[in-house]
Amino acid sequence: MIAFLLSTAALAAEPAAPAAPATDAPSTEAPAAAPKFEDLDVNKDLALDKTEVSKNESLTKAFATVDTDKNGKLSKDEFTAWVEKTTKG
């Protein structure tokens, strides 16, 4: 019994293992899903204007480049090409 108590006391006296250091490693979480054209096309005119894409920061920043025909709206083809380009990898 005394040996048991001594071994238990010895285990309790050992220092706890140090916590793992914090790292700046990238997150292993999957990236956010790409927006769906139909969800962004609020007025259902089959095109996206700047107002409709305003809640998507990356698409808003890329709007002028994505709008390849320069008509001020994104067609479904233009949008799909942007999604494929930005999610490829």
Protein backbone atom coordinates (compact mmCIF):
# COMPACT_ATOMS: atom_id res chain seq x y z
CA MET A 1 0.00 0.00 0.00
CA ILE A 2 2.82 2.38 0.86
CA ALA A 3 4.52 1.61 -2.45
CA PHE A 4 1.29 2.44 -4.27
CA LEU A 5 0.97 5.76 -2.45
CA LEU A 6 4.60 6.63 -3.17
CA SER A 7 4.27 5.82 -6.87
CA THR A 8 1.06 7.87 -7.08
CA ALA A 9 2.77 10.79 -5.37
CA ALA A 10 5.72 10.53 -7.75
CA LEU A 11 3.40 10.69 -10.77
CA ALA A 12 1.61 13.70 -9.35
CA ALA A 13 4.91 15.48 -8.79
CA GLU A 14 6.01 15.17 -12.44
CA PRO A 15 5.58 18.41 -14.38
CA ALA A 16 2.85 18.50 -16.97
CA ALA A 17 3.90 18.30 -20.58
CA PRO A 18 4.31 21.77 -22.09
CA ALA A 19 1.49 22.99 -24.28
CA ALA A 20 2.10 22.83 -28.00
CA PRO A 21 3.41 26.17 -29.24
CA ALA A 22 1.08 28.30 -31.30
CA THR A 23 1.92 28.26 -34.99
CA ASP A 24 1.17 30.47 -37.91
CA ALA A 25 0.38 27.44 -40.05
CA PRO A 26 -2.44 27.90 -42.52
CA SER A 27 -5.86 26.73 -41.48
CA THR A 28 -6.85 23.23 -42.50
CA GLU A 29 -10.45 24.30 -42.92
CA ALA A 30 -11.84 24.12 -46.42
CA PRO A 31 -12.15 27.49 -48.15
CA ALA A 32 -15.54 29.08 -48.25
CA ALA A 33 -17.71 27.80 -51.05
CA ALA A 34 -17.90 29.93 -54.16
CA PRO A 35 -21.07 31.99 -54.40
CA LYS A 36 -23.80 30.73 -56.71
CA PHE A 37 -24.80 32.90 -59.63
CA GLU A 38 -28.49 32.35 -58.94
CA ASP A 39 -28.07 33.47 -55.33
CA LEU A 40 -26.33 36.69 -56.34
CA ASP A 41 -28.74 37.50 -59.18
CA VAL A 42 -31.30 39.13 -56.90
CA ASN A 43 -33.42 40.69 -59.67
CA LYS A 44 -33.27 37.48 -61.76
CA ASP A 45 -32.26 39.27 -64.98
CA LEU A 46 -29.59 36.62 -65.69
CA ALA A 47 -26.78 39.16 -65.15
CA LEU A 48 -24.93 40.48 -62.12
CA ASP A 49 -24.41 44.19 -61.62
CA LYS A 50 -22.08 45.84 -59.11
CA THR A 51 -24.85 46.15 -56.52
CA GLU A 52 -25.62 42.43 -56.67
CA VAL A 53 -21.98 41.40 -56.19
CA SER A 54 -21.24 44.01 -53.50
CA LYS A 55 -21.45 41.46 -50.68
CA ASN A 56 -18.62 39.42 -52.24
CA GLU A 57 -15.42 41.37 -51.70
CA SER A 58 -13.19 39.43 -54.09
CA LEU A 59 -15.72 39.56 -56.93
CA THR A 60 -16.31 43.26 -56.29
CA LYS A 61 -12.57 43.94 -56.57
CA ALA A 62 -12.29 41.86 -59.75
CA PHE A 63 -15.51 43.11 -61.36
CA ALA A 64 -13.88 45.20 -64.12
CA THR A 65 -11.60 42.33 -65.10
CA VAL A 66 -14.32 39.68 -64.94
CA ASP A 67 -16.63 41.85 -67.08
CA THR A 68 -14.81 40.89 -70.28
CA ASP A 69 -17.35 42.47 -72.64
CA LYS A 70 -17.27 45.70 -70.58
CA ASN A 71 -21.06 46.13 -70.48
CA GLY A 72 -21.18 46.80 -66.74
CA LYS A 73 -22.75 43.42 -65.92
CA LEU A 74 -21.46 39.91 -65.46
CA SER A 75 -23.04 37.19 -67.55
CA LYS A 76 -23.27 33.67 -66.20
CA ASP A 77 -20.37 32.69 -68.50
CA GLU A 78 -18.17 35.53 -67.20
CA PHE A 79 -19.07 34.65 -63.61
CA THR A 80 -18.43 30.92 -64.16
CA ALA A 81 -15.02 31.65 -65.71
CA TRP A 82 -14.12 33.75 -62.64
CA VAL A 83 -15.25 31.00 -60.24
CA GLU A 84 -13.23 28.37 -62.10
CA LYS A 85 -10.15 30.60 -62.13
CA THR A 86 -10.34 31.51 -58.45
CA THR A 87 -11.16 28.04 -57.13
CA LYS A 88 -8.61 26.18 -59.26
CA GLY A 89 -5.71 24.90 -57.30
